[in-house]
Amino acid sequence: MKLFLSVDMEGISGIVDTSYINPSSGVNYQRGRQFMTDDANAVIEAALESGVTEIVVADSHNTMNNILWEKLHPKARLLAGSPRDSSMMQGIDESFDAAMFIGYHTRQGIPGVLSHTMSGVVHNMYINGQVVGEFGFNAAIAGMHNVPVVMVSGDNLIAVEAQELIPGIQTAIVKEAVSRTAAICLSREEATAELKRKTANALRNRNNIQPFRTAVPVELAMEFSHAGQAEMAAIVPGTRYETATNTVYYNAANPQDMYKTMRAMLNLASGAEFF
C-alpha cells in the first residue's frame, strides 16, 4: 500500500499563532518545526503498522523546508523545497492508494486557527463554482488522480470543512479553535495517540472513501481582495477578469495545469500594492 502525506503547519498539534510558522520572524518557529515532525511521525508509524509499505511526505508550508529531515521516520521519503509545479501536492499520481492531509486549516474568511486560502491576497477560491480552501483544492487534485483523501488533522473546524466535502473522512482533531490565534490544545501524548488512532481507522476504511471528483476541464475562479491584485492575476494567458467581483477565471485542462496557473496568479497578485 502506498500513502501520500501533504503536511502543512497551521493545523499541527500545539501551534496556535504565527510565531510558530514564520521561518524569518517566528520566535517559536523551531519548536513548530519539531511539532510538525512529531505529527508526521505519528501518522507514519501508524501507517506502517497498518500495512503501508511506501510513504511520501510532501512538506507543504511556506518555503516547504520545515520538517526536520534528520528526525523524520526513516521509512518515509521527504519531498522538500520549492518551487514545485504542484506545490502542496507535488508527487501525487495514480500509483498512490490514499492521501492524508496533516496540519491543515480552514479556508479564508471563516473561523479556525490561522484560517486562510493559499495567500493573504485570496478572498475566495472556487472549483466549478464550489468554494474551496486549501483542503478542497488539494483534495480535488488528488481526486483527479483517482486518489481518495482518507484523513485530515487539525482543529475542530477543519474537521467540519473536510466532512462537508468528503463524507466519511477520518478527522484527527488535535486542538479546538478559540479564535484565529488561540486554541485549546491536546497534550503531546494525547495528540500523538489521536493521530495514530485516526490514521489506522482511515486506512482500515479507505475503500469506503471516494475520491473528491470534479469535472474536467475544470473552471478555477479566484476572487481577490482588491482590483489591483485581480488585474495582475489576469495577466496570465487564457484568463477572464470579472471586474465587478475582482474574480479571475481560468479553464484548466488537467491537475498540473490548474495548480501551475493558480500559483502564477497568486505570485502576480502578491506583487500588487494596496496603495
Protein backbone atom coordinates (compact mmCIF):
# COMPACT_ATOMS: atom_id res chain seq x y z
CA MET A 1 0.00 0.00 0.00
CA LYS A 2 1.31 3.45 -0.97
CA LEU A 3 0.45 6.62 1.01
CA PHE A 4 0.86 10.32 0.19
CA LEU A 5 1.10 12.80 3.08
CA SER A 6 0.75 16.53 2.48
CA VAL A 7 1.89 18.20 5.69
CA ASP A 8 1.04 21.84 6.34
CA MET A 9 1.86 23.71 9.55
CA GLU A 10 -1.07 25.81 10.77
CA GLY A 11 -3.09 22.79 11.92
CA ILE A 12 -0.22 20.98 13.62
CA SER A 13 -0.54 19.97 17.27
CA GLY A 14 0.39 22.78 19.68
CA ILE A 15 0.56 25.52 17.02
CA VAL A 16 -1.76 28.48 17.65
CA ASP A 17 -0.29 31.62 16.06
CA THR A 18 2.23 32.93 13.53
CA SER A 19 5.14 32.80 15.99
CA TYR A 20 5.29 29.03 15.28
CA ILE A 21 5.05 29.11 11.48
CA ASN A 22 7.05 32.08 10.20
CA PRO A 23 10.60 30.99 9.26
CA SER A 24 12.01 34.52 9.25
CA SER A 25 10.47 36.07 12.38
CA GLY A 26 8.70 33.38 14.39
CA VAL A 27 10.16 33.17 17.89
CA ASN A 28 8.60 29.71 18.24
CA TYR A 29 9.39 28.55 14.70
CA GLN A 30 11.99 25.95 15.68
CA ARG A 31 9.51 24.47 18.16
CA GLY A 32 6.90 24.49 15.39
CA ARG A 33 9.22 22.51 13.13
CA GLN A 34 9.60 19.88 15.83
CA PHE A 35 5.85 19.72 16.42
CA MET A 36 5.32 19.31 12.65
CA THR A 37 7.85 16.49 12.50
CA ASP A 38 6.29 14.81 15.54
CA ASP A 39 2.82 14.85 13.96
CA ALA A 40 4.16 13.45 10.70
CA ASN A 41 5.99 10.68 12.55
CA ALA A 42 2.88 9.69 14.48
CA VAL A 43 0.99 9.22 11.23
CA ILE A 44 3.89 7.39 9.57
CA GLU A 45 4.26 4.96 12.48
CA ALA A 46 0.56 4.11 12.47
CA ALA A 47 0.54 3.76 8.69
CA LEU A 48 3.45 1.32 8.74
CA GLU A 49 1.71 -0.68 11.46
CA SER A 50 -1.38 -0.78 9.21
CA GLY A 51 0.48 -2.35 6.30
CA VAL A 52 1.62 0.67 4.29
CA THR A 53 4.89 -0.11 2.53
CA GLU A 54 5.72 3.21 0.84
CA ILE A 55 5.18 6.74 2.19
CA VAL A 56 5.94 10.06 0.52
CA VAL A 57 5.82 13.13 2.78
CA ALA A 58 5.37 16.46 0.99
CA ASP A 59 6.43 19.37 3.20
CA SER A 60 3.68 21.82 2.29
CA HIS A 61 4.20 25.02 4.29
CA ASN A 62 5.73 28.31 3.15
CA THR A 63 9.12 27.57 1.52
CA MET A 64 8.45 23.85 2.15
CA ASN A 65 11.64 23.35 4.13
CA ASN A 66 10.19 22.94 7.61
CA ILE A 67 10.15 19.26 8.56
CA LEU A 68 13.30 18.17 10.36
CA TRP A 69 14.69 15.67 7.84
CA GLU A 70 17.10 14.11 10.31
CA LYS A 71 14.25 13.41 12.77
CA LEU A 72 11.67 12.15 10.27
CA HIS A 73 10.87 8.44 10.40
CA PRO A 74 13.47 6.62 8.27
CA LYS A 75 10.87 4.62 6.37
CA ALA A 76 9.37 7.76 4.80
CA ARG A 77 10.73 9.75 1.88
CA LEU A 78 10.63 13.54 2.22
CA LEU A 79 9.82 15.94 -0.60
CA ALA A 80 11.12 19.34 0.49
CA GLY A 81 11.93 22.68 -1.09
CA SER A 82 10.36 24.89 -3.72
CA PRO A 83 9.32 25.88 -6.31
CA ARG A 84 7.18 22.94 -7.34
CA ASP A 85 4.69 22.86 -10.21
CA SER A 86 2.06 21.25 -7.98
CA SER A 87 3.15 22.84 -4.71
CA MET A 88 1.49 21.06 -1.75
CA MET A 89 0.52 18.10 -3.95
CA GLN A 90 3.76 17.64 -5.85
CA GLY A 91 4.46 13.97 -6.45
CA ILE A 92 0.96 12.55 -6.22
CA ASP A 93 -0.15 10.28 -9.04
CA GLU A 94 -2.35 7.26 -9.74
CA SER A 95 0.09 4.89 -8.04
CA PHE A 96 -1.00 6.03 -4.55
CA ASP A 97 -3.71 4.14 -2.69
CA ALA A 98 -4.62 7.00 -0.36
CA ALA A 99 -3.69 10.52 0.72
CA MET A 100 -3.79 12.23 4.10
CA PHE A 101 -3.60 15.95 4.84
CA ILE A 102 -1.77 16.65 8.09
CA GLY A 103 -1.78 20.00 9.90
CA TYR A 104 -4.41 21.59 7.65
CA HIS A 105 -6.57 24.64 8.41
CA THR A 106 -9.88 26.22 7.41
CA ARG A 107 -10.32 28.43 4.37
CA GLN A 108 -10.16 32.21 4.15
CA GLY A 109 -12.95 34.21 5.73
CA ILE A 110 -14.28 31.63 8.19
CA PRO A 111 -13.27 30.84 11.80
CA GLY A 112 -10.45 28.45 12.54
CA VAL A 113 -6.86 28.56 13.76
CA LEU A 114 -4.79 30.60 11.26
CA SER A 115 -7.51 30.29 8.58
CA HIS A 116 -6.57 31.42 5.06
CA THR A 117 -6.51 30.14 1.48
CA MET A 118 -3.03 29.83 -0.01
CA SER A 119 -2.19 33.53 0.40
CA GLY A 120 -3.43 36.71 2.03
CA VAL A 121 -4.42 38.07 -1.38
CA VAL A 122 -7.17 35.47 -1.90
CA HIS A 123 -10.68 36.31 -0.70
CA ASN A 124 -12.29 33.15 -2.08
CA MET A 125 -11.34 30.35 -4.45
CA TYR A 126 -13.75 28.20 -6.43
CA ILE A 127 -13.59 24.95 -8.39
CA ASN A 128 -16.51 24.59 -10.83
CA GLY A 129 -18.42 27.15 -8.77
CA GLN A 130 -17.84 25.46 -5.40
CA VAL A 131 -15.93 27.47 -2.81
CA VAL A 132 -12.87 25.62 -1.52
CA GLY A 133 -9.91 26.23 0.72
CA GLU A 134 -6.56 24.51 0.59
CA PHE A 135 -8.18 21.29 1.76
CA GLY A 136 -10.77 21.26 -1.02
CA PHE A 137 -8.38 22.42 -3.74
CA ASN A 138 -5.81 19.77 -2.87
CA ALA A 139 -8.48 17.09 -2.45
CA ALA A 140 -9.63 17.88 -5.98
CA ILE A 141 -6.07 17.45 -7.24
CA ALA A 142 -5.90 14.06 -5.51
CA GLY A 143 -9.29 13.15 -6.96
CA MET A 144 -8.14 13.93 -10.49
CA HIS A 145 -5.50 11.24 -9.92
CA ASN A 146 -8.19 8.90 -8.52
CA VAL A 147 -6.67 9.04 -5.03
CA PRO A 148 -9.03 9.35 -2.03
CA VAL A 149 -8.19 11.69 0.85
CA VAL A 150 -8.96 9.46 3.81
CA MET A 151 -7.83 11.56 6.79
CA VAL A 152 -7.18 15.17 7.80
CA SER A 153 -5.67 16.52 11.01
CA GLY A 154 -6.01 19.97 12.50
CA ASP A 155 -8.55 21.86 14.60
CA ASN A 156 -12.23 21.06 15.11
CA LEU A 157 -13.30 23.43 12.33
CA ILE A 158 -11.18 21.97 9.52
CA ALA A 159 -12.79 18.68 10.53
CA VAL A 160 -16.21 20.16 9.69
CA GLU A 161 -14.97 21.64 6.39
CA ALA A 162 -13.44 18.31 5.36
CA GLN A 163 -16.52 16.25 6.28
CA GLU A 164 -18.74 18.55 4.21
CA LEU A 165 -16.65 17.76 1.12
CA ILE A 166 -15.74 14.12 1.79
CA PRO A 167 -18.33 12.13 3.75
CA GLY A 168 -16.76 9.51 6.00
CA ILE A 169 -13.29 11.06 6.10
CA GLN A 170 -11.43 10.47 9.36
CA THR A 171 -10.62 13.66 11.29
CA ALA A 172 -7.81 13.80 13.83
CA ILE A 173 -8.76 16.82 15.96
CA VAL A 174 -5.66 17.91 17.87
CA LYS A 175 -6.96 21.30 19.07
CA GLU A 176 -10.18 23.25 19.49
CA ALA A 177 -10.25 26.74 18.00
CA VAL A 178 -10.93 29.57 20.46
CA SER A 179 -10.11 32.32 17.98
CA ARG A 180 -7.99 32.63 14.86
CA THR A 181 -4.85 32.75 17.01
CA ALA A 182 -5.85 30.77 20.10
CA ALA A 183 -6.80 27.16 20.74
CA ILE A 184 -7.24 24.55 23.42
CA CYS A 185 -4.57 22.00 22.54
CA LEU A 186 -4.35 18.32 23.35
CA SER A 187 -1.17 17.29 25.16
CA ARG A 188 1.67 15.94 23.03
CA GLU A 189 0.83 12.42 24.17
CA GLU A 190 -2.90 12.79 23.50
CA ALA A 191 -2.30 14.35 20.08
CA THR A 192 0.05 11.54 19.08
CA ALA A 193 -2.50 8.94 20.19
CA GLU A 194 -5.29 10.68 18.27
CA LEU A 195 -3.21 10.90 15.09
CA LYS A 196 -2.29 7.23 15.31
CA ARG A 197 -5.84 6.11 16.03
CA LYS A 198 -7.38 8.07 13.18
CA THR A 199 -4.64 7.02 10.74
CA ALA A 200 -5.31 3.36 11.48
CA ASN A 201 -9.08 3.89 11.14
CA ALA A 202 -8.65 5.74 7.86
CA LEU A 203 -6.51 3.04 6.29
CA ARG A 204 -8.82 0.31 7.54
CA ASN A 205 -11.80 2.05 5.90
CA ARG A 206 -10.06 3.56 2.88
CA ASN A 207 -12.09 1.60 0.36
CA ASN A 208 -15.24 3.28 1.66
CA ILE A 209 -13.98 6.79 0.83
CA GLN A 210 -14.47 8.04 -2.71
CA PRO A 211 -12.00 10.44 -4.34
CA PHE A 212 -13.22 14.05 -4.40
CA ARG A 213 -14.03 14.34 -8.08
CA THR A 214 -14.56 17.40 -10.24
CA ALA A 215 -15.48 17.64 -13.90
CA VAL A 216 -12.55 18.10 -16.29
CA PRO A 217 -11.77 20.54 -17.81
CA VAL A 218 -12.24 22.41 -14.53
CA GLU A 219 -13.11 26.07 -14.04
CA LEU A 220 -10.84 27.72 -11.49
CA ALA A 221 -12.06 31.04 -10.10
CA MET A 222 -10.02 33.23 -7.76
CA GLU A 223 -11.65 36.17 -6.03
CA PHE A 224 -9.02 38.66 -4.89
CA SER A 225 -9.05 41.18 -2.08
CA HIS A 226 -8.80 44.23 -4.33
CA ALA A 227 -8.86 45.14 -8.01
CA GLY A 228 -5.12 45.65 -8.34
CA GLN A 229 -4.47 42.04 -7.39
CA ALA A 230 -7.08 40.77 -9.82
CA GLU A 231 -5.65 42.91 -12.60
CA MET A 232 -2.21 41.42 -12.07
CA ALA A 233 -3.56 37.86 -11.93
CA ALA A 234 -5.44 38.43 -15.18
CA ILE A 235 -2.11 38.83 -16.99
CA VAL A 236 -1.99 35.02 -17.17
CA PRO A 237 -2.94 33.96 -20.72
CA GLY A 238 -6.36 32.36 -21.06
CA THR A 239 -7.89 34.05 -18.02
CA ARG A 240 -11.13 36.06 -17.85
CA TYR A 241 -11.38 39.00 -15.45
CA GLU A 242 -14.76 39.86 -13.88
CA THR A 243 -14.28 43.43 -12.66
CA ALA A 244 -17.46 43.60 -10.56
CA THR A 245 -16.20 40.92 -8.17
CA ASN A 246 -12.39 41.09 -8.56
CA THR A 247 -12.59 37.48 -9.76
CA VAL A 248 -10.31 35.91 -12.35
CA TYR A 249 -11.44 32.72 -14.13
CA TYR A 250 -9.41 30.05 -15.88
CA ASN A 251 -10.40 26.75 -17.54
CA ALA A 252 -7.77 24.13 -16.72
CA ALA A 253 -7.24 21.01 -18.80
CA ASN A 254 -5.66 18.87 -16.06
CA PRO A 255 -4.41 18.99 -12.44
CA GLN A 256 -0.94 20.26 -13.21
CA ASP A 257 -2.35 22.99 -15.45
CA MET A 258 -4.69 24.10 -12.65
CA TYR A 259 -2.02 24.13 -9.95
CA LYS A 260 0.58 25.94 -12.06
CA THR A 261 -1.94 28.56 -13.13
CA MET A 262 -3.17 29.10 -9.57
CA ARG A 263 0.42 29.61 -8.41
CA ALA A 264 1.17 32.03 -11.24
CA MET A 265 -1.95 34.07 -10.44
CA LEU A 266 -1.02 34.18 -6.74
CA ASN A 267 2.53 35.27 -7.45
CA LEU A 268 1.40 38.03 -9.77
CA ALA A 269 -1.37 39.24 -7.45
CA SER A 270 1.00 39.32 -4.47
CA GLY A 271 3.04 42.00 -6.23
CA ALA A 272 0.16 44.48 -6.37
CA GLU A 273 0.40 47.22 -3.75
CA PHE A 274 -2.71 48.25 -1.86
CA PHE A 275 -1.83 51.96 -2.13
